[in-house]
């Protein structure tokens, strides 16, 4: 009566039963029975338990290798496939020593050596590819470094146009004698008003002094036009009309010079306010960046000892300023005008004076 073939694998408990039965058949040397029990569960299902999967593949590989019912070539090929599956799942896998036959250990060693040789060849291929990539990247890196050096050289030789921003104080435009025009960058206009005011003021003052010293004219009632009296001692009576005409002529010229002086001052201050520029950008030529960097380094080297000496008295750096960096310029004008009133003692009484400081 023919024996009934093993049933198809089912649950994990069925797999364990089949593996245990295959191990018993393996101990008896019944290699065909081992193959009949283990091939279905290896071929048709994936064993979740790693220990059971390793045992099934290991015993099946040896049984296939020793089963004389198969051709020699077929036995070696199938057994090698099972051992390859074991090494694929665990590259460090090694069979228990002294449990299996010598042909099995020799086959495992051969499969492992072939895998190692393939891995080594693949590593050598990757190494050659990496070396080729390294050579290419090194060439690209040197080319990039050369390009960066050329760009840095071009940048260092690039011309930089220098400008200076001048901030002005409007209070200086309230000063006469062309001061507002000089500070506003109009030296021609300032020089013209300075000359006009000096000439007119000097002429008016000279005429006043000449009239007071030569003709002895004094005022008896302040600046009342009828309070002016000119002494006529030791003068003949017939010369008095000519003397009075001379005094009137000098007074007229004095008045004209006085009005010219006052008008020039008013026009000077008005024009200075109209032409006032709070900010002016002045072109200072051009230099290369290399020259600017050299000047900055020299300035920094000169300023370092001074900052080191006065370092204890310096306050904390302002926001956006690095430690040791020179103080940042402020937005306030560098020139300030201060008006300071004060009393003035005069021979005729007490007056109020104003001092302008800038």
C-alpha atoms as a PDB file:
ATOM      1  CA  UNK A   1       0.000   0.000   0.000  1.00  0.00           C
ATOM      2  CA  UNK A   2       1.506   3.322  -1.072  1.00  0.00           C
ATOM      3  CA  UNK A   3       2.104   5.884   1.659  1.00  0.00           C
ATOM      4  CA  UNK A   4       0.162   9.107   1.511  1.00  0.00           C
ATOM      5  CA  UNK A   5       2.180  12.249   0.667  1.00  0.00           C
ATOM      6  CA  UNK A   6       2.573  15.030   3.218  1.00  0.00           C
ATOM      7  CA  UNK A   7      -0.179  17.609   3.377  1.00  0.00           C
ATOM      8  CA  UNK A   8       0.369  21.197   2.255  1.00  0.00           C
ATOM      9  CA  UNK A   9       1.732  23.540   4.907  1.00  0.00           C
ATOM     10  CA  UNK A  10      -0.788  25.485   6.928  1.00  0.00           C
ATOM     11  CA  UNK A  11      -0.315  27.503  10.107  1.00  0.00           C
ATOM     12  CA  UNK A  12       2.962  28.189  11.905  1.00  0.00           C
ATOM     13  CA  UNK A  13       2.321  25.201  14.137  1.00  0.00           C
ATOM     14  CA  UNK A  14       2.051  23.011  11.018  1.00  0.00           C
ATOM     15  CA  UNK A  15       5.376  24.449   9.792  1.00  0.00           C
ATOM     16  CA  UNK A  16       7.043  23.570  13.080  1.00  0.00           C
ATOM     17  CA  UNK A  17       5.646  20.013  12.916  1.00  0.00           C
ATOM     18  CA  UNK A  18       6.940  19.567   9.382  1.00  0.00           C
ATOM     19  CA  UNK A  19      10.392  20.875  10.334  1.00  0.00           C
ATOM     20  CA  UNK A  20      10.547  18.506  13.324  1.00  0.00           C
ATOM     21  CA  UNK A  21       9.551  15.556  11.143  1.00  0.00           C
ATOM     22  CA  UNK A  22      12.143  16.600   8.540  1.00  0.00           C
ATOM     23  CA  UNK A  23      14.854  16.676  11.217  1.00  0.00           C
ATOM     24  CA  UNK A  24      13.884  13.133  12.267  1.00  0.00           C
ATOM     25  CA  UNK A  25      14.087  11.992   8.647  1.00  0.00           C
ATOM     26  CA  UNK A  26      17.429  13.794   8.285  1.00  0.00           C
ATOM     27  CA  UNK A  27      18.797  11.839  11.239  1.00  0.00           C
ATOM     28  CA  UNK A  28      17.738   8.606   9.505  1.00  0.00           C
ATOM     29  CA  UNK A  29      19.416   9.711   6.271  1.00  0.00           C
ATOM     30  CA  UNK A  30      16.116   9.752   4.384  1.00  0.00           C
ATOM     31  CA  UNK A  31      17.011  12.744   2.200  1.00  0.00           C
ATOM     32  CA  UNK A  32      14.009  12.384  -0.079  1.00  0.00           C
ATOM     33  CA  UNK A  33      11.639  12.563   2.895  1.00  0.00           C
ATOM     34  CA  UNK A  34      13.402  15.692   4.142  1.00  0.00           C
ATOM     35  CA  UNK A  35      12.950  17.315   0.755  1.00  0.00           C
ATOM     36  CA  UNK A  36       9.294  16.271   0.536  1.00  0.00           C
ATOM     37  CA  UNK A  37       8.603  17.850   3.935  1.00  0.00           C
ATOM     38  CA  UNK A  38      10.568  21.106   3.579  1.00  0.00           C
ATOM     39  CA  UNK A  39      10.368  22.087  -0.099  1.00  0.00           C
ATOM     40  CA  UNK A  40       6.625  22.950   0.032  1.00  0.00           C
ATOM     41  CA  UNK A  41       6.984  25.334   2.993  1.00  0.00           C
ATOM     42  CA  UNK A  42      10.093  26.937   1.472  1.00  0.00           C
ATOM     43  CA  UNK A  43       8.547  27.284  -1.974  1.00  0.00           C
ATOM     44  CA  UNK A  44       4.924  28.195  -1.139  1.00  0.00           C
ATOM     45  CA  UNK A  45       5.141  30.276   2.057  1.00  0.00           C
ATOM     46  CA  UNK A  46       7.404  32.701   3.831  1.00  0.00           C
ATOM     47  CA  UNK A  47       8.323  31.515   7.300  1.00  0.00           C
ATOM     48  CA  UNK A  48       8.061  34.389   9.756  1.00  0.00           C
ATOM     49  CA  UNK A  49      10.127  32.793  12.496  1.00  0.00           C
ATOM     50  CA  UNK A  50      13.814  33.341  11.705  1.00  0.00           C
ATOM     51  CA  UNK A  51      14.955  30.276  13.618  1.00  0.00           C
ATOM     52  CA  UNK A  52      12.476  28.011  11.789  1.00  0.00           C
ATOM     53  CA  UNK A  53      13.402  29.546   8.400  1.00  0.00           C
ATOM     54  CA  UNK A  54      17.118  29.006   9.057  1.00  0.00           C
ATOM     55  CA  UNK A  55      16.577  25.397  10.154  1.00  0.00           C
ATOM     56  CA  UNK A  56      14.351  24.554   7.178  1.00  0.00           C
ATOM     57  CA  UNK A  57      16.804  26.005   4.618  1.00  0.00           C
ATOM     58  CA  UNK A  58      19.856  24.432   6.257  1.00  0.00           C
ATOM     59  CA  UNK A  59      18.445  20.893   6.487  1.00  0.00           C
ATOM     60  CA  UNK A  60      16.874  21.163   3.044  1.00  0.00           C
ATOM     61  CA  UNK A  61      20.196  22.288   1.527  1.00  0.00           C
ATOM     62  CA  UNK A  62      22.093  19.331   2.919  1.00  0.00           C
ATOM     63  CA  UNK A  63      19.324  16.843   2.049  1.00  0.00           C
ATOM     64  CA  UNK A  64      19.259  18.178  -1.530  1.00  0.00           C
ATOM     65  CA  UNK A  65      23.054  17.971  -1.764  1.00  0.00           C
ATOM     66  CA  UNK A  66      23.076  14.307  -0.568  1.00  0.00           C
ATOM     67  CA  UNK A  67      19.906  13.033  -2.301  1.00  0.00           C
ATOM     68  CA  UNK A  68      21.116  10.543  -4.904  1.00  0.00           C
ATOM     69  CA  UNK A  69      17.727  10.624  -6.592  1.00  0.00           C
ATOM     70  CA  UNK A  70      18.802  13.872  -8.209  1.00  0.00           C
ATOM     71  CA  UNK A  71      21.597  14.419 -10.673  1.00  0.00           C
ATOM     72  CA  UNK A  72      24.862  15.670  -9.262  1.00  0.00           C
ATOM     73  CA  UNK A  73      24.705  19.016 -11.029  1.00  0.00           C
ATOM     74  CA  UNK A  74      21.079  19.606 -10.068  1.00  0.00           C
ATOM     75  CA  UNK A  75      21.806  18.722  -6.443  1.00  0.00           C
ATOM     76  CA  UNK A  76      24.650  21.238  -6.192  1.00  0.00           C
ATOM     77  CA  UNK A  77      22.700  24.000  -7.910  1.00  0.00           C
ATOM     78  CA  UNK A  78      19.580  23.646  -5.758  1.00  0.00           C
ATOM     79  CA  UNK A  79      21.583  23.317  -2.537  1.00  0.00           C
ATOM     80  CA  UNK A  80      23.574  26.409  -3.493  1.00  0.00           C
ATOM     81  CA  UNK A  81      20.324  28.330  -3.982  1.00  0.00           C
ATOM     82  CA  UNK A  82      19.177  27.450  -0.467  1.00  0.00           C
ATOM     83  CA  UNK A  83      22.504  28.474   1.063  1.00  0.00           C
ATOM     84  CA  UNK A  84      22.402  31.725  -0.938  1.00  0.00           C
ATOM     85  CA  UNK A  85      18.977  32.476   0.544  1.00  0.00           C
ATOM     86  CA  UNK A  86      20.431  31.954   4.010  1.00  0.00           C
ATOM     87  CA  UNK A  87      23.319  34.347   3.290  1.00  0.00           C
ATOM     88  CA  UNK A  88      20.973  36.890   1.714  1.00  0.00           C
ATOM     89  CA  UNK A  89      18.876  37.051   4.865  1.00  0.00           C
ATOM     90  CA  UNK A  90      21.941  37.080   7.137  1.00  0.00           C
ATOM     91  CA  UNK A  91      25.360  37.804   5.530  1.00  0.00           C
ATOM     92  CA  UNK A  92      27.181  36.698   8.691  1.00  0.00           C
ATOM     93  CA  UNK A  93      25.369  33.373   8.850  1.00  0.00           C
ATOM     94  CA  UNK A  94      27.487  30.239   9.474  1.00  0.00           C
ATOM     95  CA  UNK A  95      26.217  26.645   9.970  1.00  0.00           C
ATOM     96  CA  UNK A  96      26.712  24.926  13.331  1.00  0.00           C
ATOM     97  CA  UNK A  97      30.065  23.176  13.405  1.00  0.00           C
ATOM     98  CA  UNK A  98      30.203  19.361  13.612  1.00  0.00           C
ATOM     99  CA  UNK A  99      26.511  18.855  12.862  1.00  0.00           C
ATOM    100  CA  UNK A 100      26.483  18.352   9.091  1.00  0.00           C
ATOM    101  CA  UNK A 101      28.616  16.446   6.672  1.00  0.00           C
ATOM    102  CA  UNK A 102      31.820  17.650   5.050  1.00  0.00           C
ATOM    103  CA  UNK A 103      30.270  18.178   1.559  1.00  0.00           C
ATOM    104  CA  UNK A 104      27.759  20.595   3.106  1.00  0.00           C
ATOM    105  CA  UNK A 105      30.486  22.672   4.824  1.00  0.00           C
ATOM    106  CA  UNK A 106      32.545  22.703   1.631  1.00  0.00           C
ATOM    107  CA  UNK A 107      29.539  23.948  -0.350  1.00  0.00           C
ATOM    108  CA  UNK A 108      28.861  26.700   2.227  1.00  0.00           C
ATOM    109  CA  UNK A 109      32.509  27.755   2.089  1.00  0.00           C
ATOM    110  CA  UNK A 110      32.446  27.846  -1.726  1.00  0.00           C
ATOM    111  CA  UNK A 111      29.232  29.851  -1.862  1.00  0.00           C
ATOM    112  CA  UNK A 112      30.578  32.292   0.726  1.00  0.00           C
ATOM    113  CA  UNK A 113      33.880  32.733  -1.119  1.00  0.00           C
ATOM    114  CA  UNK A 114      32.040  33.346  -4.394  1.00  0.00           C
ATOM    115  CA  UNK A 115      29.814  35.927  -2.705  1.00  0.00           C
ATOM    116  CA  UNK A 116      32.849  37.579  -1.118  1.00  0.00           C
ATOM    117  CA  UNK A 117      34.586  37.653  -4.492  1.00  0.00           C
ATOM    118  CA  UNK A 118      31.522  39.271  -6.089  1.00  0.00           C
ATOM    119  CA  UNK A 119      31.269  41.797  -3.283  1.00  0.00           C
ATOM    120  CA  UNK A 120      34.979  42.569  -3.548  1.00  0.00           C
ATOM    121  CA  UNK A 121      34.643  43.044  -7.308  1.00  0.00           C
ATOM    122  CA  UNK A 122      31.672  45.319  -6.766  1.00  0.00           C
ATOM    123  CA  UNK A 123      33.662  47.244  -4.156  1.00  0.00           C
ATOM    124  CA  UNK A 124      36.578  47.578  -6.543  1.00  0.00           C
ATOM    125  CA  UNK A 125      34.209  48.835  -9.219  1.00  0.00           C
ATOM    126  CA  UNK A 126      32.727  51.375  -6.826  1.00  0.00           C
ATOM    127  CA  UNK A 127      36.252  52.332  -5.725  1.00  0.00           C
ATOM    128  CA  UNK A 128      37.320  52.937  -9.306  1.00  0.00           C
ATOM    129  CA  UNK A 129      34.166  54.952  -9.930  1.00  0.00           C
ATOM    130  CA  UNK A 130      34.792  56.986  -6.773  1.00  0.00           C
ATOM    131  CA  UNK A 131      38.410  57.582  -7.758  1.00  0.00           C
ATOM    132  CA  UNK A 132      37.284  58.746 -11.194  1.00  0.00           C
ATOM    133  CA  UNK A 133      34.730  61.039  -9.582  1.00  0.00           C
ATOM    134  CA  UNK A 134      37.407  62.310  -7.192  1.00  0.00           C
ATOM    135  CA  UNK A 135      39.744  63.088 -10.071  1.00  0.00           C
ATOM    136  CA  UNK A 136      36.998  64.914 -11.919  1.00  0.00           C
ATOM    137  CA  UNK A 137      35.950  66.814  -8.814  1.00  0.00           C
ATOM    138  CA  UNK A 138      39.582  67.715  -8.079  1.00  0.00           C
ATOM    139  CA  UNK A 139      39.943  69.170 -11.562  1.00  0.00           C
ATOM    140  CA  UNK A 140      36.684  71.078 -11.145  1.00  0.00           C
ATOM    141  CA  UNK A 141      37.808  72.269  -7.702  1.00  0.00           C
ATOM    142  CA  UNK A 142      41.132  73.561  -9.027  1.00  0.00           C
ATOM    143  CA  UNK A 143      39.337  75.266 -11.906  1.00  0.00           C
ATOM    144  CA  UNK A 144      36.881  76.832  -9.467  1.00  0.00           C
ATOM    145  CA  UNK A 145      39.755  77.976  -7.216  1.00  0.00           C
ATOM    146  CA  UNK A 146      41.509  79.543 -10.202  1.00  0.00           C
ATOM    147  CA  UNK A 147      38.285  81.260 -11.193  1.00  0.00           C
ATOM    148  CA  UNK A 148      37.766  82.523  -7.641  1.00  0.00           C
ATOM    149  CA  UNK A 149      41.331  83.841  -7.568  1.00  0.00           C
ATOM    150  CA  UNK A 150      40.798  85.630 -10.878  1.00  0.00           C
ATOM    151  CA  UNK A 151      37.525  87.117  -9.641  1.00  0.00           C
ATOM    152  CA  UNK A 152      39.175  88.260  -6.408  1.00  0.00           C
ATOM    153  CA  UNK A 153      41.977  89.863  -8.398  1.00  0.00           C
ATOM    154  CA  UNK A 154      39.456  91.622 -10.618  1.00  0.00           C
ATOM    155  CA  UNK A 155      37.556  92.755  -7.539  1.00  0.00           C
ATOM    156  CA  UNK A 156      40.727  94.097  -5.921  1.00  0.00           C
ATOM    157  CA  UNK A 157      41.554  96.041  -9.092  1.00  0.00           C
ATOM    158  CA  UNK A 158      38.019  97.361  -9.460  1.00  0.00           C
ATOM    159  CA  UNK A 159      37.664 101.138  -9.269  1.00  0.00           C
ATOM    160  CA  UNK A 160      35.568 102.505  -6.428  1.00  0.00           C
ATOM    161  CA  UNK A 161      34.206 106.037  -6.686  1.00  0.00           C
ATOM    162  CA  UNK A 162      34.581 107.860  -3.368  1.00  0.00           C
ATOM    163  CA  UNK A 163      31.928 110.245  -2.145  1.00  0.00           C
ATOM    164  CA  UNK A 164      31.679 112.317   1.007  1.00  0.00           C
ATOM    165  CA  UNK A 165      28.350 113.225   2.557  1.00  0.00           C
ATOM    166  CA  UNK A 166      28.488 116.649   4.200  1.00  0.00           C
ATOM    167  CA  UNK A 167      25.765 117.528   6.706  1.00  0.00           C
ATOM    168  CA  UNK A 168      25.272 121.230   7.345  1.00  0.00           C
ATOM    169  CA  UNK A 169      23.714 123.250  10.152  1.00  0.00           C
ATOM    170  CA  UNK A 170      21.113 125.766   9.061  1.00  0.00           C
ATOM    171  CA  UNK A 171      22.068 128.008  11.962  1.00  0.00           C
ATOM    172  CA  UNK A 172      25.350 128.864  10.240  1.00  0.00           C
ATOM    173  CA  UNK A 173      23.345 130.346   7.369  1.00  0.00           C
ATOM    174  CA  UNK A 174      22.148 133.046   9.820  1.00  0.00           C
ATOM    175  CA  UNK A 175      25.639 134.505  10.119  1.00  0.00           C
ATOM    176  CA  UNK A 176      26.600 137.535   7.991  1.00  0.00           C
ATOM    177  CA  UNK A 177      29.801 138.236   6.063  1.00  0.00           C
ATOM    178  CA  UNK A 178      29.179 135.300   3.709  1.00  0.00           C
ATOM    179  CA  UNK A 179      29.617 132.618   6.393  1.00  0.00           C
ATOM    180  CA  UNK A 180      26.431 130.812   5.340  1.00  0.00           C
ATOM    181  CA  UNK A 181      27.595 130.685   1.707  1.00  0.00           C
ATOM    182  CA  UNK A 182      31.074 129.465   2.618  1.00  0.00           C
ATOM    183  CA  UNK A 183      29.617 126.619   4.699  1.00  0.00           C
ATOM    184  CA  UNK A 184      27.062 125.904   1.976  1.00  0.00           C
ATOM    185  CA  UNK A 185      29.784 125.315  -0.599  1.00  0.00           C
ATOM    186  CA  UNK A 186      29.411 128.611  -2.478  1.00  0.00           C
ATOM    187  CA  UNK A 187      32.730 130.388  -1.859  1.00  0.00           C
ATOM    188  CA  UNK A 188      32.225 132.800  -4.777  1.00  0.00           C
ATOM    189  CA  UNK A 189      28.953 134.178  -3.422  1.00  0.00           C
ATOM    190  CA  UNK A 190      30.329 134.189   0.109  1.00  0.00           C
ATOM    191  CA  UNK A 191      33.428 136.109  -0.986  1.00  0.00           C
ATOM    192  CA  UNK A 192      31.301 138.675  -2.834  1.00  0.00           C
ATOM    193  CA  UNK A 193      29.073 139.340   0.161  1.00  0.00           C
ATOM    194  CA  UNK A 194      32.083 139.427   2.480  1.00  0.00           C
ATOM    195  CA  UNK A 195      33.805 142.045   0.335  1.00  0.00           C
ATOM    196  CA  UNK A 196      30.621 144.097  -0.092  1.00  0.00           C
ATOM    197  CA  UNK A 197      29.766 144.095   3.597  1.00  0.00           C
ATOM    198  CA  UNK A 198      33.323 144.878   4.652  1.00  0.00           C
ATOM    199  CA  UNK A 199      33.581 147.746   2.160  1.00  0.00           C
ATOM    200  CA  UNK A 200      30.147 149.163   2.962  1.00  0.00           C
ATOM    201  CA  UNK A 201      30.516 148.726   6.707  1.00  0.00           C
ATOM    202  CA  UNK A 202      34.070 150.018   6.702  1.00  0.00           C
ATOM    203  CA  UNK A 203      33.102 153.030   4.617  1.00  0.00           C
ATOM    204  CA  UNK A 204      30.116 153.841   6.837  1.00  0.00           C
ATOM    205  CA  UNK A 205      32.223 153.462   9.970  1.00  0.00           C
ATOM    206  CA  UNK A 206      35.064 155.508   8.467  1.00  0.00           C
ATOM    207  CA  UNK A 207      32.731 158.312   7.523  1.00  0.00           C
ATOM    208  CA  UNK A 208      31.227 158.268  10.991  1.00  0.00           C
ATOM    209  CA  UNK A 209      34.647 158.474  12.610  1.00  0.00           C
ATOM    210  CA  UNK A 210      35.774 161.177  10.171  1.00  0.00           C
ATOM    211  CA  UNK A 211      32.644 163.228  10.896  1.00  0.00           C
ATOM    212  CA  UNK A 212      33.088 162.857  14.644  1.00  0.00           C
ATOM    213  CA  UNK A 213      36.798 163.632  14.752  1.00  0.00           C
ATOM    214  CA  UNK A 214      37.197 166.267  12.027  1.00  0.00           C
ATOM    215  CA  UNK A 215      33.941 168.142  12.406  1.00  0.00           C
ATOM    216  CA  UNK A 216      33.355 167.290  16.086  1.00  0.00           C
ATOM    217  CA  UNK A 217      29.774 166.172  15.505  1.00  0.00           C
ATOM    218  CA  UNK A 218      27.987 164.720  18.552  1.00  0.00           C
ATOM    219  CA  UNK A 219      24.389 163.851  19.348  1.00  0.00           C
ATOM    220  CA  UNK A 220      22.743 165.537  22.262  1.00  0.00           C
ATOM    221  CA  UNK A 221      19.435 163.596  22.163  1.00  0.00           C
ATOM    222  CA  UNK A 222      20.188 160.016  21.176  1.00  0.00           C
ATOM    223  CA  UNK A 223      19.406 159.236  17.559  1.00  0.00           C
ATOM    224  CA  UNK A 224      16.992 162.145  17.094  1.00  0.00           C
ATOM    225  CA  UNK A 225      17.818 163.546  13.614  1.00  0.00           C
ATOM    226  CA  UNK A 226      17.752 167.129  14.973  1.00  0.00           C
ATOM    227  CA  UNK A 227      20.048 166.293  17.914  1.00  0.00           C
ATOM    228  CA  UNK A 228      23.262 166.294  15.852  1.00  0.00           C
ATOM    229  CA  UNK A 229      25.533 169.222  16.617  1.00  0.00           C
ATOM    230  CA  UNK A 230      28.878 169.941  15.019  1.00  0.00           C
ATOM    231  CA  UNK A 231      31.300 172.319  16.790  1.00  0.00           C
ATOM    232  CA  UNK A 232      32.459 175.306  14.764  1.00  0.00           C
ATOM    233  CA  UNK A 233      35.215 176.767  16.957  1.00  0.00           C
ATOM    234  CA  UNK A 234      37.801 178.985  15.324  1.00  0.00           C
ATOM    235  CA  UNK A 235      35.892 179.028  12.066  1.00  0.00           C
ATOM    236  CA  UNK A 236      35.044 182.194  10.255  1.00  0.00           C
ATOM    237  CA  UNK A 237      31.412 182.975   9.808  1.00  0.00           C
ATOM    238  CA  UNK A 238      31.615 182.953   6.029  1.00  0.00           C
ATOM    239  CA  UNK A 239      32.986 179.368   6.149  1.00  0.00           C
ATOM    240  CA  UNK A 240      30.079 177.995   8.189  1.00  0.00           C
ATOM    241  CA  UNK A 241      27.722 177.288   5.205  1.00  0.00           C
ATOM    242  CA  UNK A 242      30.459 175.372   3.369  1.00  0.00           C
ATOM    243  CA  UNK A 243      31.194 173.417   6.554  1.00  0.00           C
ATOM    244  CA  UNK A 244      27.550 172.534   6.965  1.00  0.00           C
ATOM    245  CA  UNK A 245      27.346 171.420   3.328  1.00  0.00           C
ATOM    246  CA  UNK A 246      30.374 169.193   3.878  1.00  0.00           C
ATOM    247  CA  UNK A 247      28.794 167.690   6.986  1.00  0.00           C
ATOM    248  CA  UNK A 248      25.541 167.039   5.109  1.00  0.00           C
ATOM    249  CA  UNK A 249      27.442 165.444   2.249  1.00  0.00           C
ATOM    250  CA  UNK A 250      29.334 163.168   4.638  1.00  0.00           C
ATOM    251  CA  UNK A 251      26.104 162.290   6.462  1.00  0.00           C
ATOM    252  CA  UNK A 252      24.405 161.437   3.184  1.00  0.00           C
ATOM    253  CA  UNK A 253      27.310 159.222   2.118  1.00  0.00           C
ATOM    254  CA  UNK A 254      27.360 157.681   5.603  1.00  0.00           C
ATOM    255  CA  UNK A 255      23.629 156.963   5.374  1.00  0.00           C
ATOM    256  CA  UNK A 256      23.972 155.462   1.928  1.00  0.00           C
ATOM    257  CA  UNK A 257      26.865 153.219   3.064  1.00  0.00           C
ATOM    258  CA  UNK A 258      24.890 152.231   6.138  1.00  0.00           C
ATOM    259  CA  UNK A 259      21.880 151.225   4.082  1.00  0.00           C
ATOM    260  CA  UNK A 260      24.115 149.377   1.635  1.00  0.00           C
ATOM    261  CA  UNK A 261      25.689 147.536   4.572  1.00  0.00           C
ATOM    262  CA  UNK A 262      22.326 146.613   6.141  1.00  0.00           C
ATOM    263  CA  UNK A 263      20.816 145.659   2.768  1.00  0.00           C
ATOM    264  CA  UNK A 264      23.802 143.457   1.893  1.00  0.00           C
ATOM    265  CA  UNK A 265      23.482 141.672   5.231  1.00  0.00           C
ATOM    266  CA  UNK A 266      19.740 141.099   4.727  1.00  0.00           C
ATOM    267  CA  UNK A 267      20.313 139.882   1.172  1.00  0.00           C
ATOM    268  CA  UNK A 268      23.236 137.744   2.356  1.00  0.00           C
ATOM    269  CA  UNK A 269      21.179 135.978   5.033  1.00  0.00           C
ATOM    270  CA  UNK A 270      18.113 135.605   2.805  1.00  0.00           C
ATOM    271  CA  UNK A 271      20.060 134.143  -0.079  1.00  0.00           C
ATOM    272  CA  UNK A 272      21.953 131.824   2.307  1.00  0.00           C
ATOM    273  CA  UNK A 273      18.643 130.433   3.573  1.00  0.00           C
ATOM    274  CA  UNK A 274      17.283 130.004   0.046  1.00  0.00           C
ATOM    275  CA  UNK A 275      20.417 128.239  -1.212  1.00  0.00           C
ATOM    276  CA  UNK A 276      20.887 126.188   1.964  1.00  0.00           C
ATOM    277  CA  UNK A 277      21.558 122.472   1.330  1.00  0.00           C
ATOM    278  CA  UNK A 278      21.240 120.309   4.438  1.00  0.00           C
ATOM    279  CA  UNK A 279      23.161 117.450   2.775  1.00  0.00           C
ATOM    280  CA  UNK A 280      25.694 117.592  -0.034  1.00  0.00           C
ATOM    281  CA  UNK A 281      27.432 114.672  -1.718  1.00  0.00           C
ATOM    282  CA  UNK A 282      30.984 115.531  -2.763  1.00  0.00           C
ATOM    283  CA  UNK A 283      32.905 113.402  -5.241  1.00  0.00           C
ATOM    284  CA  UNK A 284      36.391 112.502  -3.966  1.00  0.00           C
ATOM    285  CA  UNK A 285      37.741 110.746  -7.035  1.00  0.00           C
ATOM    286  CA  UNK A 286      38.262 107.013  -7.318  1.00  0.00           C
ATOM    287  CA  UNK A 287      40.591 104.330  -5.994  1.00  0.00           C
ATOM    288  CA  UNK A 288      40.932 100.588  -6.363  1.00  0.00           C
ATOM    289  CA  UNK A 289      39.590  98.290  -3.679  1.00  0.00           C
ATOM    290  CA  UNK A 290      43.157  97.124  -2.957  1.00  0.00           C
ATOM    291  CA  UNK A 291      44.211 100.703  -2.196  1.00  0.00           C
ATOM    292  CA  UNK A 292      41.153 101.245   0.013  1.00  0.00           C
ATOM    293  CA  UNK A 293      41.802  98.021   1.930  1.00  0.00           C
ATOM    294  CA  UNK A 294      45.434  99.054   2.465  1.00  0.00           C
ATOM    295  CA  UNK A 295      44.349 102.464   3.754  1.00  0.00           C
ATOM    296  CA  UNK A 296      41.765 100.909   6.085  1.00  0.00           C
ATOM    297  CA  UNK A 297      44.336  98.475   7.460  1.00  0.00           C
ATOM    298  CA  UNK A 298      46.794 101.305   8.030  1.00  0.00           C
ATOM    299  CA  UNK A 299      44.112 103.394   9.753  1.00  0.00           C
ATOM    300  CA  UNK A 300      43.109 100.444  11.900  1.00  0.00           C
ATOM    301  CA  UNK A 301      46.739  99.805  12.852  1.00  0.00           C
ATOM    302  CA  UNK A 302      47.180 103.441  13.876  1.00  0.00           C
ATOM    303  CA  UNK A 303      43.938 103.533  15.838  1.00  0.00           C
ATOM    304  CA  UNK A 304      44.504 100.235  17.666  1.00  0.00           C
ATOM    305  CA  UNK A 305      47.086 101.581  20.201  1.00  0.00           C
ATOM    306  CA  UNK A 306      44.868 104.582  20.954  1.00  0.00           C
ATOM    307  CA  UNK A 307      41.842 102.375  21.530  1.00  0.00           C
ATOM    308  CA  UNK A 308      43.952 100.101  23.693  1.00  0.00           C
ATOM    309  CA  UNK A 309      45.037 103.037  25.875  1.00  0.00           C
ATOM    310  CA  UNK A 310      41.544 104.473  26.180  1.00  0.00           C
ATOM    311  CA  UNK A 311      39.816 101.103  26.253  1.00  0.00           C
ATOM    312  CA  UNK A 312      38.904 101.374  29.934  1.00  0.00           C
ATOM    313  CA  UNK A 313      37.005 104.622  29.373  1.00  0.00           C
ATOM    314  CA  UNK A 314      35.161 103.528  26.255  1.00  0.00           C
ATOM    315  CA  UNK A 315      31.536 102.538  26.602  1.00  0.00           C
ATOM    316  CA  UNK A 316      29.912  99.431  25.169  1.00  0.00           C
ATOM    317  CA  UNK A 317      29.782  99.178  21.379  1.00  0.00           C
ATOM    318  CA  UNK A 318      26.721 100.554  19.708  1.00  0.00           C
ATOM    319  CA  UNK A 319      24.222  98.163  18.028  1.00  0.00           C
ATOM    320  CA  UNK A 320      25.642  96.732  14.824  1.00  0.00           C
ATOM    321  CA  UNK A 321      29.210  97.588  15.847  1.00  0.00           C
ATOM    322  CA  UNK A 322      31.797  94.883  16.420  1.00  0.00           C
ATOM    323  CA  UNK A 323      34.108  95.014  19.468  1.00  0.00           C
ATOM    324  CA  UNK A 324      37.241  97.004  18.658  1.00  0.00           C
ATOM    325  CA  UNK A 325      35.625  98.714  15.678  1.00  0.00           C
ATOM    326  CA  UNK A 326      35.918 102.535  15.517  1.00  0.00           C
ATOM    327  CA  UNK A 327      32.808 104.369  16.753  1.00  0.00           C
ATOM    328  CA  UNK A 328      30.155 104.698  14.123  1.00  0.00           C
ATOM    329  CA  UNK A 329      29.370 108.217  12.892  1.00  0.00           C
ATOM    330  CA  UNK A 330      26.204 109.766  14.259  1.00  0.00           C
ATOM    331  CA  UNK A 331      23.518 111.461  12.250  1.00  0.00           C
ATOM    332  CA  UNK A 332      23.905 114.803  14.055  1.00  0.00           C
ATOM    333  CA  UNK A 333      25.778 117.593  12.256  1.00  0.00           C
ATOM    334  CA  UNK A 334      29.421 118.056  13.160  1.00  0.00           C
ATOM    335  CA  UNK A 335      28.964 121.832  13.569  1.00  0.00           C
ATOM    336  CA  UNK A 336      26.500 123.263  16.052  1.00  0.00           C
ATOM    337  CA  UNK A 337      25.397 126.842  16.527  1.00  0.00           C
ATOM    338  CA  UNK A 338      24.616 128.086  20.024  1.00  0.00           C
ATOM    339  CA  UNK A 339      23.045 131.442  20.787  1.00  0.00           C
ATOM    340  CA  UNK A 340      24.022 132.846  24.190  1.00  0.00           C
ATOM    341  CA  UNK A 341      22.473 136.160  25.379  1.00  0.00           C
ATOM    342  CA  UNK A 342      24.344 138.241  27.963  1.00  0.00           C
ATOM    343  CA  UNK A 343      24.196 141.759  29.441  1.00  0.00           C
ATOM    344  CA  UNK A 344      26.367 144.504  27.957  1.00  0.00           C
ATOM    345  CA  UNK A 345      27.568 147.548  29.885  1.00  0.00           C
ATOM    346  CA  UNK A 346      27.777 150.688  27.788  1.00  0.00           C
ATOM    347  CA  UNK A 347      28.673 154.314  28.682  1.00  0.00           C
ATOM    348  CA  UNK A 348      25.060 155.357  28.074  1.00  0.00           C
ATOM    349  CA  UNK A 349      23.514 152.545  30.091  1.00  0.00           C
ATOM    350  CA  UNK A 350      22.898 148.770  30.107  1.00  0.00           C
ATOM    351  CA  UNK A 351      22.159 146.695  27.021  1.00  0.00           C
ATOM    352  CA  UNK A 352      21.602 143.104  25.899  1.00  0.00           C
ATOM    353  CA  UNK A 353      24.151 141.307  23.710  1.00  0.00           C
ATOM    354  CA  UNK A 354      24.047 137.982  21.862  1.00  0.00           C
ATOM    355  CA  UNK A 355      27.039 135.652  21.364  1.00  0.00           C
ATOM    356  CA  UNK A 356      27.022 133.077  18.560  1.00  0.00           C
ATOM    357  CA  UNK A 357      29.205 130.026  19.187  1.00  0.00           C
ATOM    358  CA  UNK A 358      29.806 127.364  16.513  1.00  0.00           C
END
